[in-house]
Amino acid sequence: MIAYHLDRFHSLHEGQTVTLSSCPSCASTHLFNGNVSIHGQKYLSDCYANDFNSYFIEYTFELVRQKYFPQCLSRFQSFFALEHPEDILLWPELLVPTPIIWEIEIPHENFQKFDANLLLGAPCFNSAPAWSPEEAFSSALRYWNGEFSSTPKPELLIQLPVTVKTVKRFSIVED
């Protein structure tokens, strides 16, 4: 199967095989047998205030996955892609600065589709209450259960390894 990856950091190259990497941290060792994706490495590193919400969501969702949905792929050990090139339009926040869009070859059938719009439940310190555990838990259950919101942002979680194929030429045309 071919999928499409938005390479925001221009870190991939044609022909590259993306695999899990060793991450010798206490959390990585206990939660992931020491092997995580680049995404997982980011969220196992130190967190700064401006990234706190995304870290909080990733940890909440991962703990819910491990407890209730162990059959699902971990976001900490997955490669992210889109099923259709036109799904890129659903991710405008990732289009600036301009990412490279790669075709990715998935040499197996171990991938799952979820709705990234359900990645909700992070603390908001500008409101009262600052955090709702109910919203975070409910959103995580809906996400891992494979539900889709009324305005979905579909994403594929893909078990590694995957192979970077070629740059996808894609033109965004405004109506």
C-alpha atoms as a PDB file:
ATOM      1  CA  MET A   1       0.000   0.000   0.000  1.00  0.00           C
ATOM      2  CA  ILE A   2       1.104   3.573  -0.647  1.00  0.00           C
ATOM      3  CA  ALA A   3       0.416   6.322   1.908  1.00  0.00           C
ATOM      4  CA  TYR A   4       1.466   9.990   2.115  1.00  0.00           C
ATOM      5  CA  HIS A   5       3.632  11.601   4.796  1.00  0.00           C
ATOM      6  CA  LEU A   6       4.065  15.315   5.483  1.00  0.00           C
ATOM      7  CA  ASP A   7       7.753  15.726   6.311  1.00  0.00           C
ATOM      8  CA  ARG A   8       7.682  19.031   8.203  1.00  0.00           C
ATOM      9  CA  PHE A   9      11.350  18.847   9.180  1.00  0.00           C
ATOM     10  CA  HIS A  10      12.701  17.717   5.788  1.00  0.00           C
ATOM     11  CA  SER A  11      14.379  14.787   7.536  1.00  0.00           C
ATOM     12  CA  LEU A  12      13.549  11.947   5.134  1.00  0.00           C
ATOM     13  CA  HIS A  13      15.154  10.941   1.839  1.00  0.00           C
ATOM     14  CA  GLU A  14      14.225   8.720  -1.077  1.00  0.00           C
ATOM     15  CA  GLY A  15      14.824   5.032  -0.426  1.00  0.00           C
ATOM     16  CA  GLN A  16      15.162   5.484   3.338  1.00  0.00           C
ATOM     17  CA  THR A  17      13.825   2.728   5.568  1.00  0.00           C
ATOM     18  CA  VAL A  18      12.323   4.199   8.724  1.00  0.00           C
ATOM     19  CA  THR A  19      12.557   1.900  11.742  1.00  0.00           C
ATOM     20  CA  LEU A  20      12.174   2.004  15.500  1.00  0.00           C
ATOM     21  CA  SER A  21      15.154   3.390  17.392  1.00  0.00           C
ATOM     22  CA  SER A  22      16.614   2.523  20.751  1.00  0.00           C
ATOM     23  CA  CYS A  23      15.739   5.063  23.419  1.00  0.00           C
ATOM     24  CA  PRO A  24      17.433   4.254  26.736  1.00  0.00           C
ATOM     25  CA  SER A  25      15.068   6.019  29.124  1.00  0.00           C
ATOM     26  CA  CYS A  26      13.134   4.643  32.050  1.00  0.00           C
ATOM     27  CA  ALA A  27       9.769   5.330  30.371  1.00  0.00           C
ATOM     28  CA  SER A  28      10.894   3.847  27.049  1.00  0.00           C
ATOM     29  CA  THR A  29      12.273   0.733  28.714  1.00  0.00           C
ATOM     30  CA  HIS A  30       9.156   0.081  30.802  1.00  0.00           C
ATOM     31  CA  LEU A  31       6.486   1.118  28.303  1.00  0.00           C
ATOM     32  CA  PHE A  32       8.023   0.275  24.909  1.00  0.00           C
ATOM     33  CA  ASN A  33      10.832  -2.256  25.474  1.00  0.00           C
ATOM     34  CA  GLY A  34      13.289   0.546  24.728  1.00  0.00           C
ATOM     35  CA  ASN A  35      12.249   1.007  21.079  1.00  0.00           C
ATOM     36  CA  VAL A  36      10.302   4.002  19.797  1.00  0.00           C
ATOM     37  CA  SER A  37       9.697   6.006  16.639  1.00  0.00           C
ATOM     38  CA  ILE A  38      10.960   9.535  16.065  1.00  0.00           C
ATOM     39  CA  HIS A  39       7.559  10.722  17.304  1.00  0.00           C
ATOM     40  CA  GLY A  40       8.006   8.641  20.454  1.00  0.00           C
ATOM     41  CA  GLN A  41      11.520   9.996  21.023  1.00  0.00           C
ATOM     42  CA  LYS A  42      10.139  13.538  20.955  1.00  0.00           C
ATOM     43  CA  TYR A  43       7.535  12.786  23.606  1.00  0.00           C
ATOM     44  CA  LEU A  44      10.000  10.936  25.822  1.00  0.00           C
ATOM     45  CA  SER A  45      12.305  13.962  25.924  1.00  0.00           C
ATOM     46  CA  ASP A  46      12.017  16.960  28.207  1.00  0.00           C
ATOM     47  CA  CYS A  47       8.944  19.111  27.746  1.00  0.00           C
ATOM     48  CA  TYR A  48       8.882  22.904  27.626  1.00  0.00           C
ATOM     49  CA  ALA A  49       5.864  24.983  28.586  1.00  0.00           C
ATOM     50  CA  ASN A  50       4.813  25.754  25.011  1.00  0.00           C
ATOM     51  CA  ASP A  51       4.613  21.997  24.229  1.00  0.00           C
ATOM     52  CA  PHE A  52       2.951  20.901  27.466  1.00  0.00           C
ATOM     53  CA  ASN A  53      -0.517  20.290  25.987  1.00  0.00           C
ATOM     54  CA  SER A  54       0.676  17.978  23.229  1.00  0.00           C
ATOM     55  CA  TYR A  55       2.819  16.004  25.703  1.00  0.00           C
ATOM     56  CA  PHE A  56      -0.121  15.714  28.072  1.00  0.00           C
ATOM     57  CA  ILE A  57      -2.402  14.424  25.313  1.00  0.00           C
ATOM     58  CA  GLU A  58       0.162  11.912  24.039  1.00  0.00           C
ATOM     59  CA  TYR A  59       0.762  10.468  27.509  1.00  0.00           C
ATOM     60  CA  THR A  60      -2.940  10.326  28.369  1.00  0.00           C
ATOM     61  CA  PHE A  61      -3.816   8.612  25.106  1.00  0.00           C
ATOM     62  CA  GLU A  62      -0.924   6.158  25.396  1.00  0.00           C
ATOM     63  CA  LEU A  63      -1.900   5.083  28.914  1.00  0.00           C
ATOM     64  CA  VAL A  64      -5.523   4.593  27.834  1.00  0.00           C
ATOM     65  CA  ARG A  65      -4.318   2.579  24.821  1.00  0.00           C
ATOM     66  CA  GLN A  66      -2.132   0.336  26.967  1.00  0.00           C
ATOM     67  CA  LYS A  67      -4.918  -0.287  29.477  1.00  0.00           C
ATOM     68  CA  TYR A  68      -7.948  -0.711  27.193  1.00  0.00           C
ATOM     69  CA  PHE A  69      -6.712  -1.089  23.587  1.00  0.00           C
ATOM     70  CA  PRO A  70      -3.411  -3.013  23.677  1.00  0.00           C
ATOM     71  CA  GLN A  71      -4.204  -4.417  20.213  1.00  0.00           C
ATOM     72  CA  CYS A  72      -3.876  -0.911  18.732  1.00  0.00           C
ATOM     73  CA  LEU A  73      -0.560   0.459  17.530  1.00  0.00           C
ATOM     74  CA  SER A  74       1.150   2.854  19.910  1.00  0.00           C
ATOM     75  CA  ARG A  75       1.547   6.449  18.735  1.00  0.00           C
ATOM     76  CA  PHE A  76       5.019   6.265  20.351  1.00  0.00           C
ATOM     77  CA  GLN A  77       6.024   3.425  18.026  1.00  0.00           C
ATOM     78  CA  SER A  78       4.238   4.375  14.816  1.00  0.00           C
ATOM     79  CA  PHE A  79       4.904   6.254  11.628  1.00  0.00           C
ATOM     80  CA  PHE A  80       2.173   8.738  10.666  1.00  0.00           C
ATOM     81  CA  ALA A  81       0.777   9.154   7.185  1.00  0.00           C
ATOM     82  CA  LEU A  82      -2.370   9.924   5.228  1.00  0.00           C
ATOM     83  CA  GLU A  83      -4.299   7.443   3.141  1.00  0.00           C
ATOM     84  CA  HIS A  84      -5.149   9.850   0.302  1.00  0.00           C
ATOM     85  CA  PRO A  85      -3.122  12.821  -1.010  1.00  0.00           C
ATOM     86  CA  GLU A  86      -6.159  15.121  -0.782  1.00  0.00           C
ATOM     87  CA  ASP A  87      -6.300  14.503   3.011  1.00  0.00           C
ATOM     88  CA  ILE A  88      -3.388  16.951   3.202  1.00  0.00           C
ATOM     89  CA  LEU A  89      -5.940  19.757   2.877  1.00  0.00           C
ATOM     90  CA  LEU A  90      -7.385  18.734   6.256  1.00  0.00           C
ATOM     91  CA  TRP A  91      -4.053  19.591   7.923  1.00  0.00           C
ATOM     92  CA  PRO A  92      -3.487  23.307   7.070  1.00  0.00           C
ATOM     93  CA  GLU A  93      -1.462  23.866  10.258  1.00  0.00           C
ATOM     94  CA  LEU A  94       1.171  21.456   8.922  1.00  0.00           C
ATOM     95  CA  LEU A  95       1.514  23.184   5.548  1.00  0.00           C
ATOM     96  CA  VAL A  96       3.515  26.168   6.853  1.00  0.00           C
ATOM     97  CA  PRO A  97       6.423  26.143   6.403  1.00  0.00           C
ATOM     98  CA  THR A  98       6.082  24.006   3.303  1.00  0.00           C
ATOM     99  CA  PRO A  99       6.567  20.309   4.084  1.00  0.00           C
ATOM    100  CA  ILE A 100       7.877  17.722   1.678  1.00  0.00           C
ATOM    101  CA  ILE A 101       5.127  15.250   0.852  1.00  0.00           C
ATOM    102  CA  TRP A 102       6.481  11.730   0.442  1.00  0.00           C
ATOM    103  CA  GLU A 103       4.918   8.597  -0.912  1.00  0.00           C
ATOM    104  CA  ILE A 104       5.521   5.904   1.678  1.00  0.00           C
ATOM    105  CA  GLU A 105       5.478   2.206   0.928  1.00  0.00           C
ATOM    106  CA  ILE A 106       3.835   0.084   3.587  1.00  0.00           C
ATOM    107  CA  PRO A 107       5.139  -3.474   3.039  1.00  0.00           C
ATOM    108  CA  HIS A 108       2.568  -5.040   5.367  1.00  0.00           C
ATOM    109  CA  GLU A 109      -1.045  -4.691   6.464  1.00  0.00           C
ATOM    110  CA  ASN A 110      -0.316  -3.490  10.008  1.00  0.00           C
ATOM    111  CA  PHE A 111      -1.691   0.039  10.004  1.00  0.00           C
ATOM    112  CA  GLN A 112      -4.753   1.607  11.598  1.00  0.00           C
ATOM    113  CA  LYS A 113      -6.827   4.681  10.769  1.00  0.00           C
ATOM    114  CA  PHE A 114      -7.855   7.169  13.464  1.00  0.00           C
ATOM    115  CA  ASP A 115      -9.290  10.696  13.739  1.00  0.00           C
ATOM    116  CA  ALA A 116      -6.682  13.179  14.981  1.00  0.00           C
ATOM    117  CA  ASN A 117      -9.466  15.677  15.756  1.00  0.00           C
ATOM    118  CA  LEU A 118     -10.195  13.491  18.783  1.00  0.00           C
ATOM    119  CA  LEU A 119      -6.766  14.224  20.293  1.00  0.00           C
ATOM    120  CA  LEU A 120      -8.401  16.411  22.925  1.00  0.00           C
ATOM    121  CA  GLY A 121      -8.303  16.872  26.646  1.00  0.00           C
ATOM    122  CA  ALA A 122      -5.177  18.852  27.377  1.00  0.00           C
ATOM    123  CA  PRO A 123      -5.166  21.359  30.234  1.00  0.00           C
ATOM    124  CA  CYS A 124      -6.180  24.924  29.471  1.00  0.00           C
ATOM    125  CA  PHE A 125      -4.825  27.265  32.105  1.00  0.00           C
ATOM    126  CA  ASN A 126      -6.810  30.221  30.754  1.00  0.00           C
ATOM    127  CA  SER A 127     -10.147  28.741  31.774  1.00  0.00           C
ATOM    128  CA  ALA A 128     -11.889  27.226  34.738  1.00  0.00           C
ATOM    129  CA  PRO A 129     -11.634  24.349  35.241  1.00  0.00           C
ATOM    130  CA  ALA A 130      -8.111  24.125  33.873  1.00  0.00           C
ATOM    131  CA  TRP A 131      -8.429  20.415  33.034  1.00  0.00           C
ATOM    132  CA  SER A 132     -11.226  17.909  32.628  1.00  0.00           C
ATOM    133  CA  PRO A 133     -10.090  14.321  33.180  1.00  0.00           C
ATOM    134  CA  GLU A 134     -13.486  13.231  31.833  1.00  0.00           C
ATOM    135  CA  GLU A 135     -12.922  14.973  28.478  1.00  0.00           C
ATOM    136  CA  ALA A 136      -9.396  13.577  28.166  1.00  0.00           C
ATOM    137  CA  PHE A 137     -10.450  10.019  29.012  1.00  0.00           C
ATOM    138  CA  SER A 138     -13.580  10.136  26.852  1.00  0.00           C
ATOM    139  CA  SER A 139     -11.645  11.514  23.864  1.00  0.00           C
ATOM    140  CA  ALA A 140      -8.986   8.831  24.229  1.00  0.00           C
ATOM    141  CA  LEU A 141     -11.619   6.084  24.371  1.00  0.00           C
ATOM    142  CA  ARG A 142     -13.321   7.440  21.238  1.00  0.00           C
ATOM    143  CA  TYR A 143     -10.000   7.767  19.392  1.00  0.00           C
ATOM    144  CA  TRP A 144      -8.782   4.238  20.159  1.00  0.00           C
ATOM    145  CA  ASN A 145     -12.239   2.792  19.511  1.00  0.00           C
ATOM    146  CA  GLY A 146     -11.897   4.070  15.938  1.00  0.00           C
ATOM    147  CA  GLU A 147     -14.694   6.636  16.112  1.00  0.00           C
ATOM    148  CA  PHE A 148     -14.669   9.655  13.820  1.00  0.00           C
ATOM    149  CA  SER A 149     -15.862  13.157  14.656  1.00  0.00           C
ATOM    150  CA  SER A 150     -18.154  15.220  12.440  1.00  0.00           C
ATOM    151  CA  THR A 151     -15.026  17.001  11.106  1.00  0.00           C
ATOM    152  CA  PRO A 152     -12.442  14.221  10.975  1.00  0.00           C
ATOM    153  CA  LYS A 153      -8.718  14.574  10.369  1.00  0.00           C
ATOM    154  CA  PRO A 154      -7.895  11.031   9.299  1.00  0.00           C
ATOM    155  CA  GLU A 155      -4.423   9.753  10.087  1.00  0.00           C
ATOM    156  CA  LEU A 156      -2.792   6.385   9.632  1.00  0.00           C
ATOM    157  CA  LEU A 157      -0.672   4.902  12.379  1.00  0.00           C
ATOM    158  CA  ILE A 158       1.712   2.520  10.656  1.00  0.00           C
ATOM    159  CA  GLN A 159       3.885  -0.131  12.246  1.00  0.00           C
ATOM    160  CA  LEU A 160       7.517   0.365  11.346  1.00  0.00           C
ATOM    161  CA  PRO A 161       9.456  -0.284   9.178  1.00  0.00           C
ATOM    162  CA  VAL A 162       8.260   1.724   6.184  1.00  0.00           C
ATOM    163  CA  THR A 163      10.143   2.798   3.074  1.00  0.00           C
ATOM    164  CA  VAL A 164      10.257   6.350   1.742  1.00  0.00           C
ATOM    165  CA  LYS A 165       9.480   6.107  -1.985  1.00  0.00           C
ATOM    166  CA  THR A 166       9.372   9.400  -3.839  1.00  0.00           C
ATOM    167  CA  VAL A 167       8.348  13.021  -3.446  1.00  0.00           C
ATOM    168  CA  LYS A 168       4.670  13.517  -4.234  1.00  0.00           C
ATOM    169  CA  ARG A 169       3.972  16.572  -6.341  1.00  0.00           C
ATOM    170  CA  PHE A 170       0.817  18.136  -4.964  1.00  0.00           C
ATOM    171  CA  SER A 171      -0.749  21.436  -5.864  1.00  0.00           C
ATOM    172  CA  ILE A 172      -3.178  23.155  -3.527  1.00  0.00           C
ATOM    173  CA  VAL A 173      -5.776  24.967  -5.614  1.00  0.00           C
ATOM    174  CA  GLU A 174      -8.082  27.452  -3.924  1.00  0.00           C
ATOM    175  CA  ASP A 175     -11.642  27.723  -5.287  1.00  0.00           C
END
